[in-house]
Each structure stands twice: as C-alpha cells, then as structure tokens.
N, C-alpha and C. Protein backbone atom coordinates (compact mmCIF):
# COMPACT_ATOMS: atom_id res chain seq x y z
N MET A 1 46.42 87.68 148.03
CA MET A 1 47.32 87.56 146.90
C MET A 1 48.69 88.17 147.20
N TYR A 2 48.69 89.30 147.90
CA TYR A 2 49.95 89.96 148.23
C TYR A 2 50.14 89.95 149.74
N ASP A 3 51.37 89.78 150.15
CA ASP A 3 51.75 89.74 151.55
C ASP A 3 51.43 91.09 152.22
N GLU A 4 51.20 91.06 153.52
CA GLU A 4 50.88 92.28 154.26
C GLU A 4 52.04 93.26 154.33
N LYS A 5 53.23 92.82 154.00
CA LYS A 5 54.39 93.72 154.02
C LYS A 5 54.51 94.50 152.71
N THR A 6 53.54 94.33 151.80
CA THR A 6 53.57 95.05 150.53
C THR A 6 52.65 96.26 150.56
N VAL A 7 52.98 97.23 149.71
CA VAL A 7 52.15 98.42 149.52
C VAL A 7 51.94 98.62 148.02
N TYR A 8 50.90 99.37 147.69
CA TYR A 8 50.58 99.67 146.30
C TYR A 8 50.78 101.16 146.06
N VAL A 9 51.56 101.49 145.04
CA VAL A 9 51.85 102.88 144.70
C VAL A 9 51.61 103.06 143.20
N VAL A 10 50.99 104.17 142.83
CA VAL A 10 50.73 104.46 141.43
C VAL A 10 51.49 105.71 141.01
N GLY A 11 52.17 105.60 139.87
CA GLY A 11 52.83 106.75 139.26
C GLY A 11 52.09 107.13 137.99
N GLU A 12 52.15 108.39 137.63
CA GLU A 12 51.45 108.83 136.43
C GLU A 12 52.32 109.74 135.59
N ALA A 13 51.98 109.80 134.31
CA ALA A 13 52.71 110.63 133.36
C ALA A 13 51.84 110.85 132.13
N LYS A 14 52.23 111.80 131.32
CA LYS A 14 51.57 112.03 130.04
C LYS A 14 52.36 111.29 128.96
N SER A 15 51.63 110.71 128.02
CA SER A 15 52.24 110.08 126.86
C SER A 15 52.14 111.03 125.68
N PRO A 16 52.88 110.78 124.62
CA PRO A 16 52.74 111.63 123.44
C PRO A 16 51.29 111.65 122.95
N GLY A 17 50.85 112.77 122.42
CA GLY A 17 49.47 112.93 122.00
C GLY A 17 49.01 111.96 120.93
N ASN A 18 49.92 111.46 120.12
CA ASN A 18 49.55 110.53 119.06
C ASN A 18 49.50 109.08 119.54
N ASN A 19 49.69 108.87 120.80
CA ASN A 19 49.73 107.54 121.38
C ASN A 19 48.31 107.04 121.66
N PRO A 20 47.99 105.79 121.30
CA PRO A 20 46.65 105.25 121.57
C PRO A 20 46.28 105.26 123.06
N ILE A 21 47.26 105.12 123.93
CA ILE A 21 46.99 105.16 125.38
C ILE A 21 46.43 106.53 125.76
N MET A 22 47.02 107.58 125.21
CA MET A 22 46.54 108.93 125.52
C MET A 22 45.13 109.15 124.96
N LYS A 23 44.87 108.60 123.82
CA LYS A 23 43.54 108.78 123.22
C LYS A 23 42.47 108.05 124.03
N GLN A 24 42.85 106.93 124.63
CA GLN A 24 41.87 106.15 125.40
C GLN A 24 41.80 106.59 126.86
N TYR A 25 42.95 106.88 127.49
CA TYR A 25 42.98 107.13 128.94
C TYR A 25 43.34 108.56 129.34
N ASP A 26 43.94 109.32 128.45
CA ASP A 26 44.39 110.69 128.70
C ASP A 26 45.68 110.75 129.52
N THR A 27 45.88 109.86 130.43
CA THR A 27 47.08 109.83 131.27
C THR A 27 47.58 108.40 131.34
N PHE A 28 48.90 108.26 131.46
CA PHE A 28 49.53 106.94 131.56
C PHE A 28 49.79 106.65 133.03
N PHE A 29 49.32 105.51 133.50
CA PHE A 29 49.52 105.10 134.90
C PHE A 29 50.31 103.80 134.96
N VAL A 30 51.20 103.71 135.94
CA VAL A 30 51.86 102.44 136.25
C VAL A 30 51.65 102.20 137.74
N GLY A 31 51.09 101.05 138.08
CA GLY A 31 50.89 100.66 139.48
C GLY A 31 51.95 99.66 139.89
N PHE A 32 52.46 99.82 141.10
CA PHE A 32 53.52 98.96 141.62
C PHE A 32 53.12 98.36 142.96
N VAL A 33 53.35 97.07 143.13
CA VAL A 33 53.26 96.42 144.43
C VAL A 33 54.71 96.29 144.91
N ILE A 34 54.99 96.89 146.06
CA ILE A 34 56.37 96.97 146.56
C ILE A 34 56.46 96.34 147.93
N ASP A 35 57.49 95.51 148.12
CA ASP A 35 57.77 94.91 149.41
C ASP A 35 58.46 95.97 150.27
N ARG A 36 57.79 96.39 151.34
CA ARG A 36 58.33 97.46 152.20
C ARG A 36 59.59 97.05 152.95
N THR A 37 59.83 95.75 153.12
CA THR A 37 61.01 95.35 153.89
C THR A 37 62.31 95.60 153.15
N ASP A 38 62.27 95.56 151.81
CA ASP A 38 63.52 95.75 151.07
C ASP A 38 63.38 96.57 149.78
N GLY A 39 62.17 97.04 149.46
CA GLY A 39 61.98 97.87 148.29
C GLY A 39 61.85 97.13 146.97
N THR A 40 61.74 95.80 147.02
CA THR A 40 61.61 95.02 145.79
C THR A 40 60.23 95.23 145.17
N ILE A 41 60.22 95.44 143.87
CA ILE A 41 58.96 95.55 143.13
C ILE A 41 58.47 94.13 142.88
N VAL A 42 57.35 93.80 143.49
CA VAL A 42 56.78 92.45 143.43
C VAL A 42 55.91 92.26 142.20
N ASP A 43 55.23 93.33 141.79
CA ASP A 43 54.34 93.25 140.64
C ASP A 43 54.14 94.66 140.10
N ALA A 44 53.71 94.73 138.84
CA ALA A 44 53.46 96.03 138.21
C ALA A 44 52.39 95.85 137.14
N ASP A 45 51.68 96.92 136.87
CA ASP A 45 50.67 96.93 135.81
C ASP A 45 50.57 98.36 135.28
N CYS A 46 50.03 98.50 134.09
CA CYS A 46 49.93 99.84 133.50
C CYS A 46 48.69 99.97 132.64
N THR A 47 48.34 101.22 132.37
CA THR A 47 47.28 101.46 131.40
C THR A 47 47.87 101.21 130.02
N SER A 48 47.18 100.43 129.24
CA SER A 48 47.65 100.16 127.88
C SER A 48 46.48 99.71 127.03
N VAL A 49 46.70 99.71 125.75
CA VAL A 49 45.68 99.26 124.81
C VAL A 49 45.85 97.76 124.55
N LEU A 50 47.08 97.30 124.52
CA LEU A 50 47.38 95.90 124.24
C LEU A 50 47.74 95.14 125.51
N GLY A 51 47.21 93.94 125.65
CA GLY A 51 47.54 93.10 126.80
C GLY A 51 49.02 92.76 126.85
N LEU A 52 49.63 92.59 125.70
CA LEU A 52 51.05 92.27 125.64
C LEU A 52 51.90 93.39 126.26
N THR A 53 51.47 94.63 126.06
CA THR A 53 52.19 95.76 126.65
C THR A 53 52.18 95.65 128.17
N LYS A 54 51.03 95.35 128.75
CA LYS A 54 50.94 95.20 130.20
C LYS A 54 51.90 94.13 130.71
N LYS A 55 51.91 92.99 130.03
CA LYS A 55 52.78 91.89 130.46
C LYS A 55 54.25 92.28 130.31
N PHE A 56 54.58 92.97 129.22
CA PHE A 56 55.98 93.34 129.01
C PHE A 56 56.44 94.37 130.03
N VAL A 57 55.60 95.37 130.28
CA VAL A 57 55.94 96.39 131.28
C VAL A 57 56.14 95.73 132.65
N GLN A 58 55.33 94.75 132.94
CA GLN A 58 55.48 94.01 134.20
C GLN A 58 56.88 93.41 134.32
N THR A 59 57.38 92.84 133.22
CA THR A 59 58.72 92.24 133.26
C THR A 59 59.83 93.28 133.39
N LEU A 60 59.55 94.51 132.97
CA LEU A 60 60.55 95.57 133.10
C LEU A 60 60.81 95.94 134.56
N PHE A 61 59.78 95.79 135.39
CA PHE A 61 59.88 96.24 136.78
C PHE A 61 60.00 95.14 137.81
N THR A 62 59.31 94.03 137.62
CA THR A 62 59.27 92.98 138.63
C THR A 62 60.67 92.46 138.94
N GLY A 63 60.98 92.43 140.23
CA GLY A 63 62.29 91.96 140.68
C GLY A 63 63.29 93.08 140.89
N HIS A 64 63.05 94.25 140.28
CA HIS A 64 63.94 95.39 140.50
C HIS A 64 63.62 96.03 141.85
N ASN A 65 64.52 96.88 142.30
CA ASN A 65 64.31 97.60 143.55
C ASN A 65 63.83 99.01 143.24
N ILE A 66 62.84 99.48 143.98
CA ILE A 66 62.28 100.81 143.76
C ILE A 66 63.34 101.90 143.90
N TRP A 67 64.39 101.63 144.67
CA TRP A 67 65.44 102.63 144.90
C TRP A 67 66.48 102.65 143.78
N ASP A 68 66.50 101.64 142.94
CA ASP A 68 67.53 101.54 141.90
C ASP A 68 67.04 102.17 140.59
N SER A 69 66.91 103.48 140.59
CA SER A 69 66.38 104.21 139.44
C SER A 69 67.20 103.98 138.18
N ASP A 70 68.51 103.94 138.32
CA ASP A 70 69.36 103.77 137.14
C ASP A 70 69.12 102.44 136.45
N ALA A 71 69.03 101.36 137.21
CA ALA A 71 68.81 100.04 136.62
C ALA A 71 67.45 99.96 135.95
N VAL A 72 66.43 100.51 136.61
CA VAL A 72 65.08 100.48 136.05
C VAL A 72 65.02 101.34 134.78
N THR A 73 65.56 102.54 134.85
CA THR A 73 65.56 103.42 133.69
C THR A 73 66.30 102.79 132.52
N ASN A 74 67.45 102.19 132.78
CA ASN A 74 68.21 101.52 131.72
C ASN A 74 67.43 100.36 131.13
N SER A 75 66.75 99.62 131.97
CA SER A 75 65.95 98.50 131.50
C SER A 75 64.86 98.99 130.54
N VAL A 76 64.17 100.05 130.93
CA VAL A 76 63.11 100.60 130.08
C VAL A 76 63.69 101.14 128.77
N MET A 77 64.77 101.89 128.86
CA MET A 77 65.36 102.50 127.66
C MET A 77 65.90 101.45 126.68
N ASN A 78 66.45 100.38 127.21
CA ASN A 78 67.05 99.35 126.36
C ASN A 78 66.05 98.34 125.82
N ARG A 79 64.93 98.18 126.52
CA ARG A 79 64.02 97.10 126.15
C ARG A 79 62.66 97.56 125.63
N TYR A 80 62.17 98.71 126.08
CA TYR A 80 60.85 99.18 125.64
C TYR A 80 61.05 100.24 124.57
N LEU A 81 60.71 99.90 123.34
CA LEU A 81 60.96 100.80 122.22
C LEU A 81 59.68 101.44 121.68
N GLY A 82 58.63 101.45 122.49
CA GLY A 82 57.36 102.05 122.09
C GLY A 82 57.32 103.54 122.38
N SER A 83 56.27 104.19 121.92
CA SER A 83 56.14 105.65 122.07
C SER A 83 55.91 106.08 123.52
N SER A 84 55.59 105.16 124.39
CA SER A 84 55.37 105.50 125.81
C SER A 84 56.62 105.33 126.67
N GLN A 85 57.76 105.12 126.05
CA GLN A 85 59.00 104.88 126.81
C GLN A 85 59.25 105.96 127.86
N LYS A 86 59.22 107.20 127.45
CA LYS A 86 59.48 108.30 128.39
C LYS A 86 58.41 108.35 129.47
N ALA A 87 57.15 108.13 129.10
CA ALA A 87 56.06 108.15 130.06
C ALA A 87 56.23 107.05 131.11
N ILE A 88 56.72 105.90 130.71
CA ILE A 88 56.95 104.80 131.66
C ILE A 88 58.00 105.22 132.68
N ILE A 89 59.07 105.84 132.22
CA ILE A 89 60.14 106.28 133.12
C ILE A 89 59.63 107.37 134.06
N VAL A 90 58.89 108.32 133.53
CA VAL A 90 58.34 109.41 134.36
C VAL A 90 57.37 108.84 135.40
N ALA A 91 56.51 107.91 134.99
CA ALA A 91 55.56 107.29 135.93
C ALA A 91 56.29 106.53 137.02
N PHE A 92 57.37 105.82 136.67
CA PHE A 92 58.17 105.12 137.67
C PHE A 92 58.76 106.12 138.68
N LYS A 93 59.35 107.19 138.18
CA LYS A 93 59.97 108.19 139.07
C LYS A 93 58.92 108.87 139.95
N HIS A 94 57.73 109.09 139.41
CA HIS A 94 56.64 109.68 140.19
C HIS A 94 56.23 108.73 141.31
N ALA A 95 56.09 107.45 141.00
CA ALA A 95 55.73 106.46 142.02
C ALA A 95 56.83 106.35 143.08
N ARG A 96 58.08 106.37 142.64
CA ARG A 96 59.20 106.28 143.56
C ARG A 96 59.18 107.46 144.54
N LYS A 97 58.89 108.65 144.04
CA LYS A 97 58.83 109.83 144.89
C LYS A 97 57.69 109.72 145.90
N LYS A 98 56.53 109.25 145.46
CA LYS A 98 55.40 109.05 146.37
C LYS A 98 55.75 108.02 147.45
N TYR A 99 56.42 106.95 147.06
CA TYR A 99 56.84 105.91 148.00
C TYR A 99 57.81 106.50 149.02
N GLU A 100 58.77 107.25 148.53
CA GLU A 100 59.76 107.88 149.41
C GLU A 100 59.09 108.82 150.41
N GLN A 101 58.17 109.64 149.95
CA GLN A 101 57.47 110.59 150.82
C GLN A 101 56.64 109.87 151.87
N ALA A 102 56.04 108.75 151.51
CA ALA A 102 55.19 108.02 152.44
C ALA A 102 55.98 107.38 153.56
N PHE A 103 57.22 106.99 153.26
CA PHE A 103 58.00 106.24 154.25
C PHE A 103 59.32 106.92 154.64
N GLU A 104 59.45 108.21 154.39
CA GLU A 104 60.72 108.89 154.68
C GLU A 104 61.04 108.96 156.17
N SER A 105 60.04 108.86 157.03
CA SER A 105 60.30 108.96 158.46
C SER A 105 60.78 107.65 159.06
N GLU A 106 60.75 106.58 158.28
CA GLU A 106 61.18 105.27 158.82
C GLU A 106 62.66 105.10 158.78
C-alpha cells in the first residue's frame, strides 16, 4: 500500500479531560506516513470517537511537509475547531521531533 521510501511515525499528546477521546483512549495519537525523500505527509490517522474526525484530520495533514510546522499548525488552528485542537498540534510536533531524531544523521 505504501512505497518503500515511506516511514511511519506516531506522535502523542493529552487531550482535555472532558474530551471523549481521553475517556476512551487516555492519550491522543496521530500516525503519519511520511515520504523520506522529501518529507511529504502521504497519509495520517488518529485516535478518535467519530469516523468523520479521522477523515478530517487526515485532510489537515496529507500533502503537507513534515518540516513545515507553521503551515500545519495554521491549518489545524484555522480548520479544526474541536476540543482536541491543541492535542493535534502537540502530537504533530511530537511526531516531527521523533522523525527528526531518527534521520538527523542523513
């Protein structure tokens, strides 16, 4: 399904305590499939209660570059108005840091 030049990275964050995601999963996760040749986010998925949330979060990230934190953060802030907004941004930044650490010697 995914090209061999892609990698999978997961970022995590806490959501507000009153959030259904926290009640069901305790932690918010966002998984990213990233093209290592140029840093493009090929696919994304997250822990959520509603299927629509998963699909929408996917559109927030797919096609963006893992290195372009400002564009991704702005996209989330302007388009995702749910209680997990901050958790999505934190999970993205966590995944970006893990990605950077894994490939910093290249």
